[in-house]
Amino acid sequence: MFDPRRPTLRYRLDKGETLGVTWLMMGSVAMTEIAAKARPDAIVLDLQHGLWERRAMEEAIGIVPSDIPVLVRVAENSPLAIGQALDAGAEGVIVPLVETAKQARKAVDAARFPPHGNRSGGGVRPLCDFVDYVHGCERGIVVVVMIETEKGVKNAREIAAVEGVDMVFIGTGDLALSLGTFPHFDARHDVACATVHAACKAEWTLCGCFTGNLDGARARREKGYRMVVTSNDVDVLMRGFGQATAGFMARTPAGPALPPEPKPSPRPAPSPAVSATPANKAANGAGYVEEQRP
């Protein structure tokens, strides 16, 4: 949760760190708590494609320690969506599908209080100490805009040049759809990403990139991207359940054959019965007393 006196996200970006974030879509507060225990650089709550509701978002942000910044990918580029995310305690917003400098300015204005923008003052958390909150927001809140279409790539430099845009984040999946390369991330896709990255460098604006796995996150970090995705909850759940099921269904390799169990020995035949006559009993010397008959 955003601490206006210690804006962790801004501090870490200013230090030059590359952030490896955990991306959460399932709308689960409990899963957010578990993710925070792994100590990622930051956590993103995805309200555009995820299952988050307003109250769950507020609770999830509140459960994350203040030294782990939380960003919200809002559902749309509107003052309501951006204002609600920040009122809930997010330290930054990620605004999807920005294609022009005008749209980027709209996102910045919605995240800033007057006179720098048009954000409305309020929210349960900010009002606990609103003076402190407003002063902290002037520098602490981070605005990230997403370029994820061919049109956005063409306007990348103008978007990156907008004052108040702290980072341009490439949405690689939608970009592949827009370019017509999906499901392949081919040379055209690579060129588009490189074009956006170069435009950000030219305007001294940070650039991040959505990555679908850990190897991709490491590779983008090496290329100078400043925010990448190291894990997402849907992938972690699918992979974990899939591995457990496959491991259980797999047959164990057959080991050496066990020796056959020994057959039980045949029982000895019983001795022939001997009639219990007085003569026999006497012969056996068993102190026989002949039965008295009437």
C-alpha atoms as a PDB file:
ATOM      1  CA  MET A   1       0.000   0.000   0.000  1.00  0.00           C
ATOM      2  CA  PHE A   2       1.246   3.467  -0.928  1.00  0.00           C
ATOM      3  CA  ASP A   3       3.007   5.291   1.866  1.00  0.00           C
ATOM      4  CA  PRO A   4       3.096   8.997   0.838  1.00  0.00           C
ATOM      5  CA  ARG A   5       6.154   9.571   3.013  1.00  0.00           C
ATOM      6  CA  ARG A   6       8.074   6.684   1.448  1.00  0.00           C
ATOM      7  CA  PRO A   7       7.131   6.173  -2.216  1.00  0.00           C
ATOM      8  CA  THR A   8       8.899   2.857  -2.736  1.00  0.00           C
ATOM      9  CA  LEU A   9       8.173   2.431  -6.426  1.00  0.00           C
ATOM     10  CA  ARG A  10       9.418   5.873  -7.385  1.00  0.00           C
ATOM     11  CA  TYR A  11      12.539   5.409  -5.271  1.00  0.00           C
ATOM     12  CA  ARG A  12      13.444   2.086  -6.862  1.00  0.00           C
ATOM     13  CA  LEU A  13      12.879   3.313 -10.388  1.00  0.00           C
ATOM     14  CA  ASP A  14      14.950   6.417  -9.725  1.00  0.00           C
ATOM     15  CA  LYS A  15      17.763   4.176  -8.452  1.00  0.00           C
ATOM     16  CA  GLY A  16      17.904   2.485 -11.839  1.00  0.00           C
ATOM     17  CA  GLU A  17      16.578  -0.917 -10.796  1.00  0.00           C
ATOM     18  CA  THR A  18      14.840  -3.312 -13.164  1.00  0.00           C
ATOM     19  CA  LEU A  19      11.695  -4.523 -11.438  1.00  0.00           C
ATOM     20  CA  GLY A  20      10.544  -8.128 -11.722  1.00  0.00           C
ATOM     21  CA  VAL A  21       6.829  -8.047 -10.959  1.00  0.00           C
ATOM     22  CA  THR A  22       4.220 -10.654 -10.098  1.00  0.00           C
ATOM     23  CA  TRP A  23       1.043 -10.244 -12.157  1.00  0.00           C
ATOM     24  CA  LEU A  24      -2.252 -11.252 -10.501  1.00  0.00           C
ATOM     25  CA  MET A  25      -5.523 -11.815 -12.356  1.00  0.00           C
ATOM     26  CA  MET A  26      -7.532 -14.255 -10.216  1.00  0.00           C
ATOM     27  CA  GLY A  27      -9.005 -11.612  -7.928  1.00  0.00           C
ATOM     28  CA  SER A  28      -7.948 -13.466  -4.789  1.00  0.00           C
ATOM     29  CA  VAL A  29      -6.844 -11.573  -1.677  1.00  0.00           C
ATOM     30  CA  ALA A  30      -5.413 -14.780  -0.207  1.00  0.00           C
ATOM     31  CA  MET A  31      -3.306 -15.369  -3.313  1.00  0.00           C
ATOM     32  CA  THR A  32      -2.056 -11.791  -3.109  1.00  0.00           C
ATOM     33  CA  GLU A  33      -0.919 -12.416   0.455  1.00  0.00           C
ATOM     34  CA  ILE A  34       0.920 -15.568  -0.620  1.00  0.00           C
ATOM     35  CA  ALA A  35       2.515 -13.768  -3.570  1.00  0.00           C
ATOM     36  CA  ALA A  36       3.726 -10.994  -1.270  1.00  0.00           C
ATOM     37  CA  LYS A  37       5.498 -13.547   0.940  1.00  0.00           C
ATOM     38  CA  ALA A  38       7.726 -14.348  -2.050  1.00  0.00           C
ATOM     39  CA  ARG A  39       8.944 -10.719  -1.881  1.00  0.00           C
ATOM     40  CA  PRO A  40       8.638  -9.712  -5.575  1.00  0.00           C
ATOM     41  CA  ASP A  41       9.880  -6.280  -6.613  1.00  0.00           C
ATOM     42  CA  ALA A  42       6.270  -5.224  -7.162  1.00  0.00           C
ATOM     43  CA  ILE A  43       2.780  -6.670  -7.568  1.00  0.00           C
ATOM     44  CA  VAL A  44       0.352  -5.814 -10.379  1.00  0.00           C
ATOM     45  CA  LEU A  45      -3.393  -6.303  -9.982  1.00  0.00           C
ATOM     46  CA  ASP A  46      -4.964  -6.696 -13.420  1.00  0.00           C
ATOM     47  CA  LEU A  47      -8.414  -5.121 -13.532  1.00  0.00           C
ATOM     48  CA  GLN A  48      -8.591  -5.086 -17.326  1.00  0.00           C
ATOM     49  CA  HIS A  49      -8.596  -8.837 -17.892  1.00  0.00           C
ATOM     50  CA  GLY A  50      -8.646 -10.130 -14.312  1.00  0.00           C
ATOM     51  CA  LEU A  51     -11.442 -11.029 -11.880  1.00  0.00           C
ATOM     52  CA  TRP A  52     -10.898  -8.179  -9.417  1.00  0.00           C
ATOM     53  CA  GLU A  53     -13.813  -6.351  -7.811  1.00  0.00           C
ATOM     54  CA  ARG A  54     -13.486  -2.986  -6.060  1.00  0.00           C
ATOM     55  CA  ARG A  55     -13.570  -4.235  -2.466  1.00  0.00           C
ATOM     56  CA  ALA A  56     -11.233  -7.155  -3.180  1.00  0.00           C
ATOM     57  CA  MET A  57      -8.784  -4.762  -4.847  1.00  0.00           C
ATOM     58  CA  GLU A  58      -8.827  -2.521  -1.785  1.00  0.00           C
ATOM     59  CA  GLU A  59      -8.262  -5.461   0.575  1.00  0.00           C
ATOM     60  CA  ALA A  60      -5.492  -6.931  -1.572  1.00  0.00           C
ATOM     61  CA  ILE A  61      -3.595  -3.629  -1.702  1.00  0.00           C
ATOM     62  CA  GLY A  62      -3.945  -3.255   2.058  1.00  0.00           C
ATOM     63  CA  ILE A  63      -2.513  -6.690   2.789  1.00  0.00           C
ATOM     64  CA  VAL A  64       0.736  -6.078   0.869  1.00  0.00           C
ATOM     65  CA  PRO A  65       3.556  -4.495   2.938  1.00  0.00           C
ATOM     66  CA  SER A  66       4.304  -0.896   1.982  1.00  0.00           C
ATOM     67  CA  ASP A  67       7.855  -1.781   0.895  1.00  0.00           C
ATOM     68  CA  ILE A  68       6.379  -3.899  -1.936  1.00  0.00           C
ATOM     69  CA  PRO A  69       4.697  -1.437  -4.314  1.00  0.00           C
ATOM     70  CA  VAL A  70       1.353  -2.350  -5.858  1.00  0.00           C
ATOM     71  CA  LEU A  71       0.354  -1.149  -9.315  1.00  0.00           C
ATOM     72  CA  VAL A  72      -3.085  -1.568 -10.845  1.00  0.00           C
ATOM     73  CA  ARG A  73      -3.641  -2.211 -14.532  1.00  0.00           C
ATOM     74  CA  VAL A  74      -6.920  -0.325 -14.842  1.00  0.00           C
ATOM     75  CA  ALA A  75      -9.762  -1.489 -17.049  1.00  0.00           C
ATOM     76  CA  GLU A  76      -9.794   1.651 -19.186  1.00  0.00           C
ATOM     77  CA  ASN A  77      -8.290   5.091 -19.649  1.00  0.00           C
ATOM     78  CA  SER A  78     -10.838   7.052 -17.638  1.00  0.00           C
ATOM     79  CA  PRO A  79     -10.781   9.306 -14.568  1.00  0.00           C
ATOM     80  CA  LEU A  80     -13.086   6.884 -12.722  1.00  0.00           C
ATOM     81  CA  ALA A  81     -10.960   3.781 -13.316  1.00  0.00           C
ATOM     82  CA  ILE A  82      -7.672   5.541 -12.555  1.00  0.00           C
ATOM     83  CA  GLY A  83      -9.049   7.418  -9.541  1.00  0.00           C
ATOM     84  CA  GLN A  84     -10.525   4.296  -7.945  1.00  0.00           C
ATOM     85  CA  ALA A  85      -7.243   2.392  -8.249  1.00  0.00           C
ATOM     86  CA  LEU A  86      -5.278   5.210  -6.641  1.00  0.00           C
ATOM     87  CA  ASP A  87      -7.932   5.792  -3.943  1.00  0.00           C
ATOM     88  CA  ALA A  88      -7.527   2.109  -3.006  1.00  0.00           C
ATOM     89  CA  GLY A  89      -3.854   2.708  -2.201  1.00  0.00           C
ATOM     90  CA  ALA A  90      -2.081   1.733  -5.411  1.00  0.00           C
ATOM     91  CA  GLU A  91       1.316   3.336  -5.887  1.00  0.00           C
ATOM     92  CA  GLY A  92       0.933   3.436  -9.645  1.00  0.00           C
ATOM     93  CA  VAL A  93      -1.447   2.756 -12.511  1.00  0.00           C
ATOM     94  CA  ILE A  94      -0.883   0.944 -15.796  1.00  0.00           C
ATOM     95  CA  VAL A  95      -3.190   2.312 -18.471  1.00  0.00           C
ATOM     96  CA  PRO A  96      -3.922  -0.024 -21.418  1.00  0.00           C
ATOM     97  CA  LEU A  97      -4.217   0.587 -25.160  1.00  0.00           C
ATOM     98  CA  VAL A  98      -2.666   4.053 -25.384  1.00  0.00           C
ATOM     99  CA  GLU A  99      -2.133   4.951 -29.046  1.00  0.00           C
ATOM    100  CA  THR A 100      -1.597   8.722 -29.072  1.00  0.00           C
ATOM    101  CA  ALA A 101       0.012  11.484 -27.042  1.00  0.00           C
ATOM    102  CA  LYS A 102      -3.474  12.894 -26.367  1.00  0.00           C
ATOM    103  CA  GLN A 103      -4.531   9.623 -24.732  1.00  0.00           C
ATOM    104  CA  ALA A 104      -1.334   9.574 -22.687  1.00  0.00           C
ATOM    105  CA  ARG A 105      -2.010  13.115 -21.412  1.00  0.00           C
ATOM    106  CA  LYS A 106      -5.532  12.058 -20.463  1.00  0.00           C
ATOM    107  CA  ALA A 107      -4.110   9.252 -18.300  1.00  0.00           C
ATOM    108  CA  VAL A 108      -1.626  11.586 -16.600  1.00  0.00           C
ATOM    109  CA  ASP A 109      -4.325  14.177 -15.875  1.00  0.00           C
ATOM    110  CA  ALA A 110      -6.559  11.545 -14.271  1.00  0.00           C
ATOM    111  CA  ALA A 111      -3.728  10.507 -11.918  1.00  0.00           C
ATOM    112  CA  ARG A 112      -2.764  14.027 -10.774  1.00  0.00           C
ATOM    113  CA  PHE A 113      -4.585  16.400  -8.449  1.00  0.00           C
ATOM    114  CA  PRO A 114      -5.197  19.984  -9.586  1.00  0.00           C
ATOM    115  CA  PRO A 115      -3.471  22.129 -10.707  1.00  0.00           C
ATOM    116  CA  HIS A 116      -1.422  19.394 -12.403  1.00  0.00           C
ATOM    117  CA  GLY A 117      -4.405  17.250 -13.391  1.00  0.00           C
ATOM    118  CA  ASN A 118      -8.082  16.638 -12.763  1.00  0.00           C
ATOM    119  CA  ARG A 119      -8.143  13.778 -10.255  1.00  0.00           C
ATOM    120  CA  SER A 120     -10.939  14.076  -7.717  1.00  0.00           C
ATOM    121  CA  GLY A 121      -9.936  14.107  -4.050  1.00  0.00           C
ATOM    122  CA  GLY A 122     -11.348  11.363  -1.851  1.00  0.00           C
ATOM    123  CA  GLY A 123     -11.102   7.665  -1.043  1.00  0.00           C
ATOM    124  CA  VAL A 124     -11.178   5.939   2.332  1.00  0.00           C
ATOM    125  CA  ARG A 125      -7.410   5.485   2.604  1.00  0.00           C
ATOM    126  CA  PRO A 126      -6.317   8.908   1.324  1.00  0.00           C
ATOM    127  CA  LEU A 127      -8.761  10.709   3.630  1.00  0.00           C
ATOM    128  CA  CYS A 128      -7.122   9.186   6.713  1.00  0.00           C
ATOM    129  CA  ASP A 129      -4.442  11.870   6.249  1.00  0.00           C
ATOM    130  CA  PHE A 130      -5.367  13.728   3.115  1.00  0.00           C
ATOM    131  CA  VAL A 131      -2.835  16.547   3.451  1.00  0.00           C
ATOM    132  CA  ASP A 132       0.025  14.075   3.682  1.00  0.00           C
ATOM    133  CA  TYR A 133      -1.432  12.024   0.843  1.00  0.00           C
ATOM    134  CA  VAL A 134      -1.766  14.945  -1.579  1.00  0.00           C
ATOM    135  CA  HIS A 135       1.804  16.083  -0.940  1.00  0.00           C
ATOM    136  CA  GLY A 136       3.103  12.520  -1.411  1.00  0.00           C
ATOM    137  CA  CYS A 137       1.218  12.070  -4.671  1.00  0.00           C
ATOM    138  CA  GLU A 138       2.877  15.053  -6.300  1.00  0.00           C
ATOM    139  CA  ARG A 139       6.032  13.018  -6.707  1.00  0.00           C
ATOM    140  CA  GLY A 140       5.206   9.493  -5.537  1.00  0.00           C
ATOM    141  CA  ILE A 141       2.479   8.247  -7.898  1.00  0.00           C
ATOM    142  CA  VAL A 142       3.784   6.494 -11.024  1.00  0.00           C
ATOM    143  CA  VAL A 143       1.910   6.597 -14.335  1.00  0.00           C
ATOM    144  CA  VAL A 144       2.603   3.801 -16.823  1.00  0.00           C
ATOM    145  CA  VAL A 145       0.977   3.770 -20.250  1.00  0.00           C
ATOM    146  CA  MET A 146       0.802   0.694 -22.437  1.00  0.00           C
ATOM    147  CA  ILE A 147       1.689   0.597 -26.124  1.00  0.00           C
ATOM    148  CA  GLU A 148       0.196  -2.558 -27.590  1.00  0.00           C
ATOM    149  CA  THR A 149      -0.976  -1.723 -31.104  1.00  0.00           C
ATOM    150  CA  GLU A 150       0.659  -0.927 -34.421  1.00  0.00           C
ATOM    151  CA  LYS A 151      -0.666   2.628 -34.191  1.00  0.00           C
ATOM    152  CA  GLY A 152       0.855   3.017 -30.751  1.00  0.00           C
ATOM    153  CA  VAL A 153       4.235   1.879 -32.058  1.00  0.00           C
ATOM    154  CA  LYS A 154       4.114   4.539 -34.779  1.00  0.00           C
ATOM    155  CA  ASN A 155       3.385   7.209 -32.162  1.00  0.00           C
ATOM    156  CA  ALA A 156       5.774   5.830 -29.540  1.00  0.00           C
ATOM    157  CA  ARG A 157       8.091   8.816 -29.380  1.00  0.00           C
ATOM    158  CA  GLU A 158       5.249  11.327 -29.019  1.00  0.00           C
ATOM    159  CA  ILE A 159       3.703   9.184 -26.275  1.00  0.00           C
ATOM    160  CA  ALA A 160       7.009   8.825 -24.429  1.00  0.00           C
ATOM    161  CA  ALA A 161       7.540  12.587 -24.595  1.00  0.00           C
ATOM    162  CA  VAL A 162       4.336  13.418 -22.682  1.00  0.00           C
ATOM    163  CA  GLU A 163       5.179  15.094 -19.373  1.00  0.00           C
ATOM    164  CA  GLY A 164       4.073  12.938 -16.470  1.00  0.00           C
ATOM    165  CA  VAL A 165       4.419   9.602 -18.294  1.00  0.00           C
ATOM    166  CA  ASP A 166       6.906   7.740 -16.130  1.00  0.00           C
ATOM    167  CA  MET A 167       7.088   4.529 -18.143  1.00  0.00           C
ATOM    168  CA  VAL A 168       5.890   3.049 -21.408  1.00  0.00           C
ATOM    169  CA  PHE A 169       5.013  -0.624 -21.006  1.00  0.00           C
ATOM    170  CA  ILE A 170       4.785  -2.846 -24.086  1.00  0.00           C
ATOM    171  CA  GLY A 171       1.816  -5.217 -24.146  1.00  0.00           C
ATOM    172  CA  THR A 172       3.384  -7.995 -26.184  1.00  0.00           C
ATOM    173  CA  GLY A 173       0.276 -10.146 -26.598  1.00  0.00           C
ATOM    174  CA  ASP A 174      -2.023  -7.460 -27.971  1.00  0.00           C
ATOM    175  CA  LEU A 175       0.855  -6.122 -30.054  1.00  0.00           C
ATOM    176  CA  ALA A 176       1.207  -9.499 -31.760  1.00  0.00           C
ATOM    177  CA  LEU A 177      -2.535  -9.488 -32.465  1.00  0.00           C
ATOM    178  CA  SER A 178      -2.363  -5.968 -33.874  1.00  0.00           C
ATOM    179  CA  LEU A 179       0.607  -6.781 -36.118  1.00  0.00           C
ATOM    180  CA  GLY A 180      -1.013 -10.001 -37.351  1.00  0.00           C
ATOM    181  CA  THR A 181       1.832 -12.187 -36.117  1.00  0.00           C
ATOM    182  CA  PHE A 182      -0.009 -13.973 -33.292  1.00  0.00           C
ATOM    183  CA  PRO A 183       0.597 -16.659 -32.067  1.00  0.00           C
ATOM    184  CA  HIS A 184       4.149 -16.153 -33.306  1.00  0.00           C
ATOM    185  CA  PHE A 185       6.434 -13.465 -31.941  1.00  0.00           C
ATOM    186  CA  ASP A 186       8.497 -13.119 -35.078  1.00  0.00           C
ATOM    187  CA  ALA A 187      10.925 -10.533 -36.463  1.00  0.00           C
ATOM    188  CA  ARG A 188       8.176  -7.949 -37.048  1.00  0.00           C
ATOM    189  CA  HIS A 189       7.234  -8.169 -33.391  1.00  0.00           C
ATOM    190  CA  ASP A 190      10.857  -7.847 -32.295  1.00  0.00           C
ATOM    191  CA  VAL A 191      11.314  -4.769 -34.481  1.00  0.00           C
ATOM    192  CA  ALA A 192       8.181  -3.158 -33.053  1.00  0.00           C
ATOM    193  CA  CYS A 193       9.369  -3.723 -29.469  1.00  0.00           C
ATOM    194  CA  ALA A 194      12.816  -2.361 -30.334  1.00  0.00           C
ATOM    195  CA  THR A 195      11.200   0.702 -31.932  1.00  0.00           C
ATOM    196  CA  VAL A 196       9.256   1.508 -28.770  1.00  0.00           C
ATOM    197  CA  HIS A 197      12.316   0.917 -26.610  1.00  0.00           C
ATOM    198  CA  ALA A 198      14.431   3.250 -28.744  1.00  0.00           C
ATOM    199  CA  ALA A 199      11.724   5.939 -28.685  1.00  0.00           C
ATOM    200  CA  CYS A 200      11.653   5.815 -24.890  1.00  0.00           C
ATOM    201  CA  LYS A 201      15.428   6.126 -24.704  1.00  0.00           C
ATOM    202  CA  ALA A 202      15.326   9.155 -26.971  1.00  0.00           C
ATOM    203  CA  GLU A 203      12.853  10.860 -24.611  1.00  0.00           C
ATOM    204  CA  TRP A 204      14.505   9.668 -21.374  1.00  0.00           C
ATOM    205  CA  THR A 205      11.386   7.715 -20.447  1.00  0.00           C
ATOM    206  CA  LEU A 206      11.538   4.288 -18.863  1.00  0.00           C
ATOM    207  CA  CYS A 207      10.388   1.291 -20.891  1.00  0.00           C
ATOM    208  CA  GLY A 208       8.998  -2.013 -19.622  1.00  0.00           C
ATOM    209  CA  CYS A 209       7.702  -5.124 -21.329  1.00  0.00           C
ATOM    210  CA  PHE A 210       5.199  -7.861 -20.546  1.00  0.00           C
ATOM    211  CA  THR A 211       7.013 -11.194 -20.465  1.00  0.00           C
ATOM    212  CA  GLY A 212       5.291 -14.557 -20.329  1.00  0.00           C
ATOM    213  CA  ASN A 213       7.924 -16.511 -18.429  1.00  0.00           C
ATOM    214  CA  LEU A 214      11.094 -16.205 -16.374  1.00  0.00           C
ATOM    215  CA  ASP A 215      13.445 -16.741 -19.320  1.00  0.00           C
ATOM    216  CA  GLY A 216      11.734 -13.950 -21.226  1.00  0.00           C
ATOM    217  CA  ALA A 217      11.971 -11.661 -18.190  1.00  0.00           C
ATOM    218  CA  ARG A 218      15.701 -12.276 -17.879  1.00  0.00           C
ATOM    219  CA  ALA A 219      16.259 -11.673 -21.591  1.00  0.00           C
ATOM    220  CA  ARG A 220      14.352  -8.366 -21.561  1.00  0.00           C
ATOM    221  CA  ARG A 221      16.221  -7.238 -18.468  1.00  0.00           C
ATOM    222  CA  GLU A 222      19.500  -7.797 -20.285  1.00  0.00           C
ATOM    223  CA  LYS A 223      18.232  -5.580 -23.113  1.00  0.00           C
ATOM    224  CA  GLY A 224      17.573  -2.716 -20.731  1.00  0.00           C
ATOM    225  CA  TYR A 225      13.826  -2.950 -20.082  1.00  0.00           C
ATOM    226  CA  ARG A 226      13.068  -1.573 -16.631  1.00  0.00           C
ATOM    227  CA  MET A 227      10.006  -3.601 -15.675  1.00  0.00           C
ATOM    228  CA  VAL A 228       9.264  -7.208 -16.640  1.00  0.00           C
ATOM    229  CA  VAL A 229       6.871  -9.922 -15.477  1.00  0.00           C
ATOM    230  CA  THR A 230       8.514 -12.857 -13.711  1.00  0.00           C
ATOM    231  CA  SER A 231       5.315 -14.736 -12.814  1.00  0.00           C
ATOM    232  CA  ASN A 232       1.555 -14.590 -13.111  1.00  0.00           C
ATOM    233  CA  ASP A 233      -0.988 -16.410 -11.003  1.00  0.00           C
ATOM    234  CA  VAL A 234      -2.858 -18.117 -13.858  1.00  0.00           C
ATOM    235  CA  ASP A 235       0.343 -19.645 -15.241  1.00  0.00           C
ATOM    236  CA  VAL A 236       1.571 -20.700 -11.785  1.00  0.00           C
ATOM    237  CA  LEU A 237      -1.718 -22.460 -11.045  1.00  0.00           C
ATOM    238  CA  MET A 238      -1.990 -24.151 -14.441  1.00  0.00           C
ATOM    239  CA  ARG A 239       1.603 -25.352 -14.351  1.00  0.00           C
ATOM    240  CA  GLY A 240       1.400 -26.526 -10.747  1.00  0.00           C
ATOM    241  CA  PHE A 241      -1.848 -28.453 -11.178  1.00  0.00           C
ATOM    242  CA  GLY A 242      -0.684 -29.862 -14.514  1.00  0.00           C
ATOM    243  CA  GLN A 243       2.619 -31.117 -13.129  1.00  0.00           C
ATOM    244  CA  ALA A 244       0.962 -32.697 -10.112  1.00  0.00           C
ATOM    245  CA  THR A 245      -1.633 -34.486 -12.226  1.00  0.00           C
ATOM    246  CA  ALA A 246       0.896 -35.656 -14.829  1.00  0.00           C
ATOM    247  CA  GLY A 247       3.233 -36.880 -12.117  1.00  0.00           C
ATOM    248  CA  PHE A 248       0.494 -38.891 -10.467  1.00  0.00           C
ATOM    249  CA  MET A 249      -0.788 -40.404 -13.721  1.00  0.00           C
ATOM    250  CA  ALA A 250       2.659 -41.440 -14.933  1.00  0.00           C
ATOM    251  CA  ARG A 251       3.449 -45.127 -14.396  1.00  0.00           C
ATOM    252  CA  THR A 252       6.391 -45.925 -12.172  1.00  0.00           C
ATOM    253  CA  PRO A 253       9.121 -47.772 -14.139  1.00  0.00           C
ATOM    254  CA  ALA A 254       9.000 -51.505 -13.408  1.00  0.00           C
ATOM    255  CA  GLY A 255      11.726 -52.677 -11.019  1.00  0.00           C
ATOM    256  CA  PRO A 256      13.320 -56.164 -10.761  1.00  0.00           C
ATOM    257  CA  ALA A 257      10.840 -59.014 -10.479  1.00  0.00           C
ATOM    258  CA  LEU A 258      10.254 -60.273  -6.965  1.00  0.00           C
ATOM    259  CA  PRO A 259      11.059 -63.977  -6.271  1.00  0.00           C
ATOM    260  CA  PRO A 260       7.996 -66.227  -6.134  1.00  0.00           C
ATOM    261  CA  GLU A 261       6.608 -66.901  -2.715  1.00  0.00           C
ATOM    262  CA  PRO A 262       7.513 -70.423  -1.423  1.00  0.00           C
ATOM    263  CA  LYS A 263       4.740 -72.983  -1.573  1.00  0.00           C
ATOM    264  CA  PRO A 264       3.584 -74.258   1.825  1.00  0.00           C
ATOM    265  CA  SER A 265       4.827 -77.757   2.784  1.00  0.00           C
ATOM    266  CA  PRO A 266       2.181 -80.503   2.627  1.00  0.00           C
ATOM    267  CA  ARG A 267       0.758 -81.486   5.973  1.00  0.00           C
ATOM    268  CA  PRO A 268       1.594 -85.045   7.174  1.00  0.00           C
ATOM    269  CA  ALA A 269      -1.255 -87.508   6.862  1.00  0.00           C
ATOM    270  CA  PRO A 270      -3.009 -88.171  10.184  1.00  0.00           C
ATOM    271  CA  SER A 271      -2.255 -91.516  11.948  1.00  0.00           C
ATOM    272  CA  PRO A 272      -4.891 -94.233  11.515  1.00  0.00           C
ATOM    273  CA  ALA A 273      -7.451 -94.191  14.277  1.00  0.00           C
ATOM    274  CA  VAL A 274      -7.084 -96.880  16.944  1.00  0.00           C
ATOM    275  CA  SER A 275     -10.260 -98.241  18.423  1.00  0.00           C
ATOM    276  CA  ALA A 276     -10.556 -97.561  22.113  1.00  0.00           C
ATOM    277  CA  THR A 277     -11.004-101.124  23.341  1.00  0.00           C
ATOM    278  CA  PRO A 278     -10.082-102.240  26.856  1.00  0.00           C
ATOM    279  CA  ALA A 279      -7.370-104.344  25.393  1.00  0.00           C
ATOM    280  CA  ASN A 280      -5.738-101.491  23.554  1.00  0.00           C
ATOM    281  CA  LYS A 281      -5.926 -99.180  26.503  1.00  0.00           C
ATOM    282  CA  ALA A 282      -4.501-101.761  28.789  1.00  0.00           C
ATOM    283  CA  ALA A 283      -1.701-102.347  26.332  1.00  0.00           C
ATOM    284  CA  ASN A 284      -0.900 -98.682  26.416  1.00  0.00           C
ATOM    285  CA  GLY A 285      -0.663 -98.786  30.194  1.00  0.00           C
ATOM    286  CA  ALA A 286      -2.811 -95.729  30.676  1.00  0.00           C
ATOM    287  CA  GLY A 287      -4.317 -96.881  34.013  1.00  0.00           C
ATOM    288  CA  TYR A 288      -7.468 -97.887  32.284  1.00  0.00           C
ATOM    289  CA  VAL A 289     -10.508 -98.558  34.379  1.00  0.00           C
ATOM    290  CA  GLU A 290     -13.073-100.584  32.521  1.00  0.00           C
ATOM    291  CA  GLU A 291     -16.398 -98.938  32.183  1.00  0.00           C
ATOM    292  CA  GLN A 292     -18.887-100.376  34.590  1.00  0.00           C
ATOM    293  CA  ARG A 293     -21.885-101.611  32.810  1.00  0.00           C
ATOM    294  CA  PRO A 294     -25.192-102.257  34.527  1.00  0.00           C
END
